[in-house]
Amino acid sequence: MPRKDWTEGQLFDPGPAKMADKSKTSKERIWTQNKARLISRYIYYFQLVTKHGTYIDGFAGPQDSTKLDAWAAALVLDLEPLWLRHFFLCDQDISKLGHLKDLALAHPKLDIQILPGDFNLVVHSLLQPENIGEKEATFCLLDQRTFECEWATVKALARFKADSKNKIEIFYFLAEWWIYQAFGGIKSVAGEQRVEAWWGRPDWRDLPSLSGTDRAQLMADRFTGELGYGYAKPYAIYEKSEGEGRVAYYMIHASDHYRAPALMSAAYGDAVMPPKPVHQAAFDLGLDLEG
C-alpha cells in the first residue's frame, strides 16, 4: 500500500471544517499522571506516518521537578525509534531552563534548540522558513498554565504555513478544575487584559457561565471555524485515577491530516499501556513503514 505523504493535497473534502472525525470514543480515561504519556504516545504514532518532523513545545519545562518521569519533553526525546529531526523547547522559568539544558545535553546527537523567554514573543522568531520548511510535518504542544498562551500565538502557529492544508498540528491544554478560581482572581485591569489576550476576544467574561464541556467544545470550534483546521476535538484529562475524579484539563487536538483522528483515538486508548513495537503499531494503524 503506497504511503500518503503528510503534506499531500486534497486530504479531505471540501473545506477544512468538513473533515470527518473518524475516531471512536474511548472507554479509557487519561489521568493527569499519564498526560505526558498520552503526548509521547501520539508523537510516536505521528512519526510513524511522517517519517520526519519538527517538535515545538511552547511551555516545555517540567511542571513538577520532582516527577521528571512524567515530563512530556523528556518522554518524547526518549522515543524509540525517534524520526523527528528538529526540536524547539521554550520556557521562561529560569529553574525550568536548567532542566531543559540538561535534557539537551543528554541527547547530544539530536537537533535540540532551547529557547528562553515568553513563548508568546519567542514564537515569532521561531516561525521562520529557515527553521520550519513548508513541507515539514510540524507538531506543537501548548501545555500552558491557565492563561499563559495568548490567542495571537495560537493564530500565528495556525497561519504560519502558506498551504492551508499543511498547518502545524497542535495539542492545546485548556484548564478546567481550577478555572473558576482563576476567573474569580481577576481583580485588576492588567488581569483582565491578560485574560482577554489569552482568549483573544472580549467575550471571555461569558466563559465562567459555561460548563466545562461547553467551554472545551467552544475552543475546539474556534480551531476549525476561526483558524481553519480540518479537525479539532477536546479530550478530557482527569485529576486522579482513584474514584471518578474531576476533569483537570481538556486537551484540544487540532490537525489537518486525514489520519489524525484515528491516531489520536489510538493514543488515548493506549497511553496507559506499554508501547507497542513499531511494526505492530504500524500494522494496527494500517500504516506501511516501507512506503
Protein backbone atom coordinates (compact mmCIF):
# COMPACT_ATOMS: atom_id res chain seq x y z
CA MET A 1 0.00 0.00 0.00
CA PRO A 2 1.62 3.30 -1.02
CA ARG A 3 2.10 5.76 1.84
CA LYS A 4 0.27 9.06 1.55
CA ASP A 5 2.60 11.88 2.45
CA TRP A 6 1.71 14.12 5.40
CA THR A 7 1.71 17.09 3.07
CA GLU A 8 -0.40 15.55 0.33
CA GLY A 9 -3.12 17.84 -1.01
CA GLN A 10 -6.83 17.13 -1.12
CA LEU A 11 -6.82 15.01 2.01
CA PHE A 12 -10.42 15.71 2.78
CA ASP A 13 -13.44 17.17 1.09
CA PRO A 14 -14.27 20.03 0.89
CA GLY A 15 -13.34 22.85 3.24
CA PRO A 16 -11.41 22.44 6.48
CA ALA A 17 -14.38 22.43 8.83
CA LYS A 18 -15.93 19.49 6.95
CA MET A 19 -13.26 16.96 7.87
CA ALA A 20 -14.88 13.93 9.46
CA ASP A 21 -13.90 12.85 12.94
CA LYS A 22 -13.45 9.13 12.44
CA SER A 23 -12.15 8.44 15.94
CA LYS A 24 -14.13 6.31 18.33
CA THR A 25 -14.92 7.41 21.84
CA SER A 26 -12.52 5.58 24.14
CA LYS A 27 -13.84 3.91 27.29
CA GLU A 28 -10.46 4.55 28.89
CA ARG A 29 -9.69 7.62 30.97
CA ILE A 30 -6.46 9.56 30.99
CA TRP A 31 -5.34 10.88 34.37
CA THR A 32 -3.02 13.82 34.99
CA GLN A 33 -0.13 11.48 35.84
CA ASN A 34 -0.49 9.90 32.39
CA LYS A 35 -0.84 13.17 30.46
CA ALA A 36 2.80 13.18 29.32
CA ARG A 37 2.49 9.55 28.23
CA LEU A 38 -0.52 10.45 26.10
CA ILE A 39 1.51 13.20 24.41
CA SER A 40 4.51 10.98 23.75
CA ARG A 41 2.32 8.11 22.53
CA TYR A 42 0.64 10.38 20.00
CA ILE A 43 4.02 11.65 18.80
CA TYR A 44 5.12 8.02 18.46
CA TYR A 45 2.19 7.38 16.11
CA PHE A 46 2.56 10.78 14.39
CA GLN A 47 6.11 9.98 13.28
CA LEU A 48 5.13 6.53 12.01
CA VAL A 49 3.16 8.46 9.38
CA THR A 50 5.53 11.36 8.76
CA LYS A 51 8.95 9.60 8.99
CA HIS A 52 10.34 13.04 9.90
CA GLY A 53 9.14 16.20 11.58
CA THR A 54 9.68 19.14 13.90
CA TYR A 55 8.51 19.20 17.51
CA ILE A 56 7.72 22.52 19.23
CA ASP A 57 6.98 22.77 22.94
CA GLY A 58 5.97 26.28 23.96
CA PHE A 59 5.93 25.67 27.72
CA ALA A 60 8.44 22.86 27.80
CA GLY A 61 9.84 22.79 31.33
CA PRO A 62 8.68 20.08 33.73
CA GLN A 63 5.57 21.17 35.61
CA ASP A 64 6.77 19.18 38.62
CA SER A 65 10.54 18.97 39.00
CA THR A 66 10.12 16.03 41.41
CA LYS A 67 8.37 13.95 38.74
CA LEU A 68 10.67 14.08 35.73
CA ASP A 69 9.37 10.66 34.64
CA ALA A 70 6.07 12.43 33.81
CA TRP A 71 7.67 15.15 31.71
CA ALA A 72 6.41 15.31 28.13
CA ALA A 73 9.57 16.69 26.51
CA ALA A 74 11.74 14.01 28.11
CA LEU A 75 9.39 11.20 27.10
CA VAL A 76 9.26 12.44 23.51
CA LEU A 77 13.06 12.64 23.24
CA ASP A 78 13.34 9.09 24.63
CA LEU A 79 11.08 7.58 21.97
CA GLU A 80 12.48 4.64 20.02
CA PRO A 81 12.58 4.90 17.12
CA LEU A 82 12.76 8.70 17.01
CA TRP A 83 12.35 10.02 13.48
CA LEU A 84 11.61 13.64 14.35
CA ARG A 85 14.51 15.79 13.19
CA HIS A 86 14.25 19.12 15.00
CA PHE A 87 13.16 20.13 18.50
CA PHE A 88 12.38 23.63 19.79
CA LEU A 89 11.85 23.73 23.57
CA CYS A 90 10.79 27.05 25.12
CA ASP A 91 10.24 28.22 28.70
CA GLN A 92 10.67 31.49 30.56
CA ASP A 93 11.14 29.98 34.04
CA ILE A 94 14.87 30.07 34.84
CA SER A 95 14.69 27.00 37.07
CA LYS A 96 13.00 25.00 34.32
CA LEU A 97 15.51 26.14 31.71
CA GLY A 98 18.16 24.27 33.68
CA HIS A 99 16.20 21.04 33.25
CA LEU A 100 15.80 21.73 29.54
CA LYS A 101 19.53 22.29 29.09
CA ASP A 102 20.29 19.06 30.93
CA LEU A 103 17.81 17.27 28.69
CA ALA A 104 19.53 18.59 25.57
CA LEU A 105 22.95 17.53 26.92
CA ALA A 106 21.58 14.02 27.47
CA HIS A 107 20.72 13.80 23.74
CA PRO A 108 23.79 15.27 22.01
CA LYS A 109 23.03 13.72 18.63
CA LEU A 110 19.64 15.42 18.32
CA ASP A 111 18.98 18.92 16.95
CA ILE A 112 17.54 20.48 20.11
CA GLN A 113 17.25 24.24 20.48
CA ILE A 114 16.43 25.69 23.90
CA LEU A 115 14.50 28.96 23.58
CA PRO A 116 14.44 31.02 26.78
CA GLY A 117 11.65 33.56 27.17
CA ASP A 118 7.92 34.08 26.84
CA PHE A 119 6.66 31.81 24.07
CA ASN A 120 4.15 34.48 23.06
CA LEU A 121 7.14 36.58 21.99
CA VAL A 122 9.60 33.85 21.02
CA VAL A 123 7.12 32.22 18.64
CA HIS A 124 7.58 34.97 16.05
CA SER A 125 11.33 34.44 15.72
CA LEU A 126 10.78 30.67 15.69
CA LEU A 127 8.22 30.75 12.88
CA GLN A 128 10.66 31.42 10.06
CA PRO A 129 11.20 29.41 6.84
CA GLU A 130 14.79 28.65 7.79
CA ASN A 131 13.52 26.91 10.95
CA ILE A 132 10.42 25.16 9.62
CA GLY A 133 10.02 24.29 5.97
CA GLU A 134 6.69 24.47 4.19
CA LYS A 135 6.54 20.67 3.82
CA GLU A 136 7.97 19.85 7.24
CA ALA A 137 5.45 17.93 9.33
CA THR A 138 5.26 20.01 12.50
CA PHE A 139 3.67 19.41 15.87
CA CYS A 140 3.29 21.99 18.66
CA LEU A 141 2.47 21.28 22.30
CA LEU A 142 0.83 24.15 24.21
CA ASP A 143 0.69 22.80 27.76
CA GLN A 144 0.03 26.17 29.34
CA ARG A 145 -0.68 27.15 32.91
CA THR A 146 -4.25 28.54 32.70
CA PHE A 147 -4.00 31.91 30.87
CA GLU A 148 -0.38 31.65 29.70
CA CYS A 149 -0.78 31.10 25.95
CA GLU A 150 -2.21 34.09 24.09
CA TRP A 151 -4.68 33.51 21.27
CA ALA A 152 -2.47 35.55 18.95
CA THR A 153 0.22 32.91 19.48
CA VAL A 154 -2.16 30.10 18.51
CA LYS A 155 -3.21 32.11 15.49
CA ALA A 156 0.41 32.65 14.42
CA LEU A 157 1.07 28.90 14.60
CA ALA A 158 -2.08 28.08 12.64
CA ARG A 159 -1.38 30.62 9.89
CA PHE A 160 2.37 30.14 9.52
CA LYS A 161 2.33 27.81 6.52
CA ALA A 162 1.07 29.11 3.19
CA ASP A 163 -0.50 25.73 2.40
CA SER A 164 -3.74 25.84 4.39
CA LYS A 165 -3.91 22.02 4.42
CA ASN A 166 -0.46 21.65 5.93
CA LYS A 167 -0.93 23.52 9.20
CA ILE A 168 1.16 23.00 12.31
CA GLU A 169 -0.62 20.33 14.34
CA ILE A 170 -1.49 21.42 17.88
CA PHE A 171 -2.21 19.93 21.30
CA TYR A 172 -3.74 22.81 23.31
CA PHE A 173 -4.40 22.38 27.02
CA LEU A 174 -7.40 24.17 28.49
CA ALA A 175 -7.52 24.31 32.30
CA GLU A 176 -10.73 23.08 33.92
CA TRP A 177 -10.82 22.16 37.60
CA TRP A 178 -9.35 25.46 38.88
CA ILE A 179 -10.71 27.66 36.09
CA TYR A 180 -13.48 29.24 38.21
CA GLN A 181 -10.96 30.17 40.90
CA ALA A 182 -8.70 31.66 38.21
CA PHE A 183 -11.53 33.78 36.81
CA GLY A 184 -12.50 34.84 40.32
CA GLY A 185 -8.96 36.00 41.00
CA ILE A 186 -9.04 38.62 38.24
CA LYS A 187 -9.13 41.86 40.23
CA SER A 188 -7.26 44.39 38.09
CA VAL A 189 -7.29 45.93 34.64
CA ALA A 190 -3.97 44.21 33.94
CA GLY A 191 -5.54 40.88 34.89
CA GLU A 192 -8.48 41.49 32.58
CA GLN A 193 -6.12 42.41 29.75
CA ARG A 194 -4.15 39.22 30.28
CA VAL A 195 -7.26 37.05 30.10
CA GLU A 196 -8.52 38.88 27.02
CA ALA A 197 -5.14 38.31 25.33
CA TRP A 198 -5.44 34.61 26.24
CA TRP A 199 -8.97 34.27 24.87
CA GLY A 200 -8.46 36.74 22.02
CA ARG A 201 -11.93 38.27 22.31
CA PRO A 202 -13.80 40.48 24.81
CA ASP A 203 -16.48 37.83 25.39
CA TRP A 204 -14.20 35.91 27.79
CA ARG A 205 -16.48 37.14 30.60
CA ASP A 206 -19.11 34.69 29.37
CA LEU A 207 -16.84 31.66 29.91
CA PRO A 208 -17.49 31.12 33.65
CA SER A 209 -21.19 30.66 32.93
CA LEU A 210 -20.49 27.72 30.59
CA SER A 211 -19.99 24.11 31.60
CA GLY A 212 -16.53 22.64 31.16
CA THR A 213 -17.60 20.52 28.21
CA ASP A 214 -19.20 23.54 26.52
CA ARG A 215 -16.05 25.64 27.02
CA ALA A 216 -13.91 22.86 25.59
CA GLN A 217 -16.18 22.40 22.58
CA LEU A 218 -16.28 26.15 22.01
CA MET A 219 -12.48 26.20 21.93
CA ALA A 220 -12.40 23.25 19.53
CA ASP A 221 -14.92 25.02 17.30
CA ARG A 222 -12.65 28.08 17.22
CA PHE A 223 -9.80 25.94 15.89
CA THR A 224 -11.94 24.84 12.95
CA GLY A 225 -14.05 27.97 12.45
CA GLU A 226 -11.51 30.75 13.08
CA LEU A 227 -8.21 29.02 12.38
CA GLY A 228 -9.30 26.75 9.55
CA TYR A 229 -8.26 23.37 10.93
CA GLY A 230 -9.94 20.39 9.37
CA TYR A 231 -10.40 18.59 12.66
CA ALA A 232 -10.42 19.66 16.31
CA LYS A 233 -11.68 17.65 19.24
CA PRO A 234 -11.45 18.05 23.04
CA TYR A 235 -10.23 15.15 25.19
CA ALA A 236 -10.74 15.11 28.95
CA ILE A 237 -7.74 14.64 31.23
CA TYR A 238 -8.89 13.60 34.71
CA GLU A 239 -7.47 14.67 38.06
CA LYS A 240 -6.71 11.24 39.52
CA SER A 241 -7.36 7.56 38.99
CA GLU A 242 -8.85 6.88 42.42
CA GLY A 243 -12.62 7.08 42.14
CA GLU A 244 -14.26 9.07 39.39
CA GLY A 245 -12.08 12.15 39.73
CA ARG A 246 -12.66 15.60 38.27
CA VAL A 247 -11.63 16.82 34.84
CA ALA A 248 -8.34 18.67 35.31
CA TYR A 249 -7.83 19.73 31.69
CA TYR A 250 -9.33 19.43 28.28
CA MET A 251 -6.76 18.80 25.60
CA ILE A 252 -7.81 20.21 22.23
CA HIS A 253 -6.27 18.29 19.35
CA ALA A 254 -6.25 20.24 16.07
CA SER A 255 -4.96 18.84 12.79
CA ASP A 256 -5.45 18.82 9.04
CA HIS A 257 -4.19 15.32 8.36
CA TYR A 258 -6.78 12.72 7.45
CA ARG A 259 -5.15 10.12 9.73
CA ALA A 260 -5.02 12.38 12.80
CA PRO A 261 -8.38 11.40 14.38
CA ALA A 262 -7.55 7.69 14.26
CA LEU A 263 -4.02 8.28 15.59
CA MET A 264 -5.41 10.31 18.48
CA SER A 265 -8.02 7.70 19.29
CA ALA A 266 -5.32 5.02 19.37
CA ALA A 267 -3.03 7.15 21.53
CA TYR A 268 -5.80 7.93 24.02
CA GLY A 269 -6.70 4.26 24.32
CA ASP A 270 -3.09 3.04 24.54
CA ALA A 271 -1.44 5.73 26.68
CA VAL A 272 -1.54 3.70 29.88
CA MET A 273 -0.21 0.56 28.19
CA PRO A 274 3.40 -0.33 27.35
CA PRO A 275 4.33 0.97 23.88
CA LYS A 276 3.80 -1.44 21.03
CA PRO A 277 6.76 -2.46 18.87
CA VAL A 278 6.96 -0.17 15.86
CA HIS A 279 5.85 -2.75 13.27
CA GLN A 280 2.93 -3.88 15.45
CA ALA A 281 1.82 -0.29 15.96
CA ALA A 282 2.09 0.37 12.22
CA PHE A 283 0.09 -2.78 11.44
CA ASP A 284 -2.66 -1.85 13.91
CA LEU A 285 -2.88 1.65 12.40
CA GLY A 286 -2.84 0.42 8.80
CA LEU A 287 0.48 2.12 8.00
CA ASP A 288 3.11 0.97 5.54
CA LEU A 289 6.55 1.57 7.03
CA GLU A 290 8.22 0.64 3.77
CA GLY A 291 6.29 3.14 1.67
